Amino acid sequence: MIRVVLVDDDPLVRSALSLMLGGQSDIEVVGEAGNGEAGLALVTDLEPDVVLMDIRMPVMDGLEATRALHQRPAPPAVVVLTTFDADDHVVRAIAAGADGFLLKDTPPGDIVGAIRTVAAGDAMLSPSATRSLVSRLRSTATTDRTSTAADRLAVLTERELEVAICVGRGLSNSEIASELYLSIPTVKSHVSRLLTKLDSTNRVQVAMVVHDAGLV
């Protein structure tokens, strides 16, 4: 069972999400909060697997709350679910440690799929968020970024680099296992080491390093 906490200042949004997720046999909404600070307290008490996090909230916004969560040991996966599809929001959410970024008008089936995806250790970005991220990366100077990314990847073993490139291509753990002839637990171990060596909090950040290095 995937345990989920909803953090959004709009009670109608929380009610709609709770109703939608309540019909899933493998997902349970275990708590709701109206701001990031209350959300952090709920995560401490309930230890969910996934948090659906709004961005704009009173007291503490979703980006600050996501950043605080990922400073904890063994944090839950965070899917930022927002009305605002701005380049800055996408980049800041990923930098804060979000494992997914979806708009609130995303079809219910895709939201459910995103929860299952991040709970399994993969990342999930909406197509529009992916376009925003790529656009932002392309609009910045590449020389220094490429050099910095290459230096960061230099600490990886050959096999870890292969896995990193697969992550950069957006492959799931099972797809990486199939392509590199590895078991899924072995892939998960490699991904865990990638996160540590690259000082990253999620797969999206690993993918960004690989993209910056020009390897995909």
Protein backbone atom coordinates (compact mmCIF):
# COMPACT_ATOMS: atom_id res chain seq x y z
CA MET A 1 0.00 0.00 0.00
CA ILE A 2 1.31 3.46 -0.98
CA ARG A 3 0.69 5.91 1.88
CA VAL A 4 0.04 9.47 0.70
CA VAL A 5 -0.17 12.85 2.45
CA LEU A 6 -1.90 15.78 0.70
CA VAL A 7 -0.54 19.29 1.34
CA ASP A 8 -2.63 22.07 -0.25
CA ASP A 9 -4.24 25.19 1.17
CA ASP A 10 -7.44 24.65 -0.84
CA PRO A 11 -9.76 22.21 0.99
CA LEU A 12 -11.70 21.58 -2.22
CA VAL A 13 -8.53 20.44 -3.98
CA ARG A 14 -7.63 18.18 -1.07
CA SER A 15 -11.16 16.75 -1.05
CA ALA A 16 -11.07 16.06 -4.81
CA LEU A 17 -7.66 14.41 -4.60
CA SER A 18 -8.68 12.34 -1.59
CA LEU A 19 -11.84 11.18 -3.35
CA MET A 20 -9.91 10.30 -6.51
CA LEU A 21 -7.15 8.42 -4.71
CA GLY A 22 -9.58 6.69 -2.36
CA GLY A 23 -10.77 4.55 -5.24
CA GLN A 24 -7.33 3.01 -5.77
CA SER A 25 -6.70 -0.37 -4.17
CA ASP A 26 -2.96 0.27 -3.71
CA ILE A 27 -3.08 3.90 -2.48
CA GLU A 28 -4.22 5.25 0.88
CA VAL A 29 -4.50 8.94 1.83
CA VAL A 30 -3.32 8.97 5.43
CA GLY A 31 -3.38 12.72 6.12
CA GLU A 32 -4.03 16.24 4.84
CA ALA A 33 -2.49 19.62 5.65
CA GLY A 34 -3.21 23.19 4.59
CA ASN A 35 0.35 24.51 4.53
CA GLY A 36 3.94 23.32 4.34
CA GLU A 37 4.66 23.62 8.05
CA ALA A 38 1.66 21.47 8.98
CA GLY A 39 2.66 19.09 6.20
CA LEU A 40 6.10 18.60 7.71
CA ALA A 41 4.54 17.74 11.05
CA LEU A 42 2.20 15.23 9.41
CA VAL A 43 5.09 13.55 7.59
CA THR A 44 6.92 13.20 10.91
CA ASP A 45 3.89 11.59 12.53
CA LEU A 46 2.63 9.44 9.63
CA GLU A 47 5.78 8.57 7.62
CA PRO A 48 4.06 8.47 4.21
CA ASP A 49 5.63 7.12 1.05
CA VAL A 50 4.55 10.06 -1.14
CA VAL A 51 3.56 13.69 -0.52
CA LEU A 52 1.45 15.63 -3.03
CA MET A 53 2.63 19.21 -2.48
CA ASP A 54 1.15 22.50 -3.65
CA ILE A 55 3.57 25.41 -4.22
CA ARG A 56 1.75 28.56 -3.13
CA MET A 57 0.56 28.17 0.47
CA PRO A 58 0.53 30.36 3.59
CA VAL A 59 2.94 29.96 6.54
CA MET A 60 5.39 27.80 4.52
CA ASP A 61 5.22 27.28 0.77
CA GLY A 62 5.65 23.94 -0.97
CA LEU A 63 9.16 24.58 -2.22
CA GLU A 64 10.47 25.37 1.26
CA ALA A 65 8.64 22.36 2.69
CA THR A 66 10.05 20.08 -0.03
CA ARG A 67 13.55 21.35 0.66
CA ALA A 68 13.09 20.71 4.39
CA LEU A 69 11.79 17.19 3.76
CA HIS A 70 14.80 16.26 1.67
CA GLN A 71 17.17 17.32 4.42
CA ARG A 72 15.74 14.50 6.53
CA PRO A 73 16.96 10.91 6.43
CA ALA A 74 14.81 8.65 4.22
CA PRO A 75 12.38 11.37 3.07
CA PRO A 76 9.17 10.53 1.23
CA ALA A 77 8.92 11.11 -2.50
CA VAL A 78 7.40 14.50 -3.30
CA VAL A 79 5.19 15.30 -6.28
CA VAL A 80 4.64 19.03 -6.73
CA LEU A 81 1.09 19.54 -7.97
CA THR A 82 0.44 23.14 -8.96
CA THR A 83 -1.62 25.48 -11.11
CA PHE A 84 1.47 27.37 -12.24
CA ASP A 85 3.50 26.02 -15.16
CA ALA A 86 6.37 28.53 -15.06
CA ASP A 87 9.99 27.71 -15.92
CA ASP A 88 11.14 29.08 -12.58
CA HIS A 89 8.72 26.92 -10.63
CA VAL A 90 9.86 23.76 -12.44
CA VAL A 91 13.56 24.45 -11.87
CA ARG A 92 13.09 25.53 -8.25
CA ALA A 93 10.93 22.48 -7.46
CA ILE A 94 13.54 20.10 -8.86
CA ALA A 95 16.34 21.94 -7.06
CA ALA A 96 14.35 21.61 -3.83
CA GLY A 97 14.23 17.84 -4.31
CA ALA A 98 10.84 17.20 -5.90
CA ASP A 99 10.55 13.80 -7.58
CA GLY A 100 7.66 14.88 -9.78
CA PHE A 101 6.04 18.02 -11.16
CA LEU A 102 2.45 17.98 -12.43
CA LEU A 103 -0.22 20.56 -13.14
CA LYS A 104 -3.51 20.36 -11.25
CA ASP A 105 -5.38 19.90 -14.54
CA THR A 106 -3.43 16.69 -15.19
CA PRO A 107 -5.87 13.80 -15.88
CA PRO A 108 -6.64 11.78 -12.72
CA GLY A 109 -5.14 8.62 -14.19
CA ASP A 110 -1.84 10.40 -14.79
CA ILE A 111 -1.74 11.72 -11.21
CA VAL A 112 -2.33 8.19 -9.91
CA GLY A 113 0.39 6.91 -12.26
CA ALA A 114 2.80 9.58 -11.04
CA ILE A 115 2.25 8.54 -7.43
CA ARG A 116 3.01 4.93 -8.29
CA THR A 117 6.05 5.98 -10.34
CA VAL A 118 7.73 8.08 -7.65
CA ALA A 119 6.84 5.52 -4.96
CA ALA A 120 8.82 3.00 -7.03
CA GLY A 121 11.85 5.30 -7.04
CA ASP A 122 11.46 6.84 -10.49
CA ALA A 123 10.84 10.49 -11.43
CA MET A 124 7.80 11.97 -13.16
CA LEU A 125 7.53 15.31 -14.97
CA SER A 126 4.55 16.48 -16.96
CA PRO A 127 5.32 17.05 -20.67
CA SER A 128 4.93 20.80 -20.22
CA ALA A 129 7.29 20.78 -17.22
CA THR A 130 9.84 18.83 -19.23
CA ARG A 131 9.63 21.39 -22.04
CA SER A 132 10.08 24.21 -19.52
CA LEU A 133 13.12 22.54 -18.02
CA VAL A 134 14.75 21.87 -21.39
CA SER A 135 14.03 25.44 -22.48
CA ARG A 136 15.63 26.83 -19.34
CA LEU A 137 18.72 24.67 -19.74
CA ARG A 138 19.13 25.61 -23.38
CA SER A 139 18.81 29.31 -22.62
CA THR A 140 21.77 29.36 -20.23
CA ALA A 141 25.47 29.40 -21.09
CA THR A 142 26.67 25.86 -21.74
CA THR A 143 30.48 25.92 -21.53
CA ASP A 144 30.90 26.23 -17.78
CA ARG A 145 27.91 24.00 -17.09
CA THR A 146 29.25 21.25 -19.36
CA SER A 147 32.67 21.37 -17.73
CA THR A 148 31.19 21.30 -14.23
CA ALA A 149 28.92 18.37 -15.10
CA ALA A 150 31.80 16.41 -16.62
CA ASP A 151 33.85 16.94 -13.45
CA ARG A 152 30.97 15.65 -11.32
CA LEU A 153 30.55 12.55 -13.46
CA ALA A 154 34.27 11.78 -13.33
CA VAL A 155 33.85 10.25 -9.84
CA LEU A 156 31.57 7.50 -11.19
CA THR A 157 32.62 4.00 -12.12
CA GLU A 158 32.05 2.85 -15.68
CA ARG A 159 28.92 0.93 -14.71
CA GLU A 160 27.57 3.84 -12.64
CA LEU A 161 28.08 6.12 -15.63
CA GLU A 162 26.12 3.70 -17.82
CA VAL A 163 23.27 3.73 -15.32
CA ALA A 164 23.46 7.54 -15.07
CA ILE A 165 23.12 7.86 -18.84
CA CYS A 166 20.08 5.58 -18.76
CA VAL A 167 18.58 7.77 -16.03
CA GLY A 168 19.32 10.77 -18.24
CA ARG A 169 17.36 9.11 -21.02
CA GLY A 170 14.38 8.82 -18.70
CA LEU A 171 14.45 5.03 -18.35
CA SER A 172 12.79 3.39 -15.35
CA ASN A 173 14.64 0.95 -13.10
CA SER A 174 13.10 -2.02 -14.90
CA GLU A 175 14.05 -0.61 -18.31
CA ILE A 176 17.62 0.02 -17.14
CA ALA A 177 17.81 -3.52 -15.79
CA SER A 178 16.69 -4.91 -19.14
CA GLU A 179 19.06 -2.76 -21.18
CA LEU A 180 22.16 -3.34 -19.04
CA TYR A 181 21.35 -6.97 -18.13
CA LEU A 182 21.19 -6.21 -14.42
CA SER A 183 18.73 -7.16 -11.71
CA ILE A 184 16.35 -4.46 -10.51
CA PRO A 185 17.85 -4.49 -6.96
CA THR A 186 21.29 -3.95 -8.52
CA VAL A 187 19.98 -1.02 -10.54
CA LYS A 188 18.45 0.48 -7.39
CA SER A 189 21.81 0.14 -5.63
CA HIS A 190 23.58 1.91 -8.49
CA VAL A 191 20.99 4.71 -8.51
CA SER A 192 21.41 5.13 -4.76
CA ARG A 193 25.17 5.50 -5.19
CA LEU A 194 24.62 7.99 -8.03
CA LEU A 195 22.51 10.16 -5.77
CA THR A 196 25.23 10.12 -3.13
CA LYS A 197 28.20 10.71 -5.45
CA LEU A 198 26.46 13.44 -7.45
CA ASP A 199 25.03 15.07 -4.32
CA SER A 200 21.55 14.79 -5.81
CA THR A 201 18.24 14.28 -4.05
CA ASN A 202 16.38 12.65 -6.95
CA ARG A 203 16.72 11.12 -10.41
CA VAL A 204 15.76 14.32 -12.19
CA GLN A 205 18.83 16.06 -10.80
CA VAL A 206 21.00 13.14 -11.97
CA ALA A 207 19.44 13.44 -15.42
CA MET A 208 20.21 17.16 -15.50
CA VAL A 209 23.91 16.49 -14.82
CA VAL A 210 24.01 13.93 -17.62
CA HIS A 211 22.27 16.34 -19.99
CA ASP A 212 24.63 19.17 -19.01
CA ALA A 213 27.61 16.92 -19.78
CA GLY A 214 26.20 16.33 -23.26
CA LEU A 215 25.92 12.55 -22.82
CA VAL A 216 22.27 12.32 -23.94
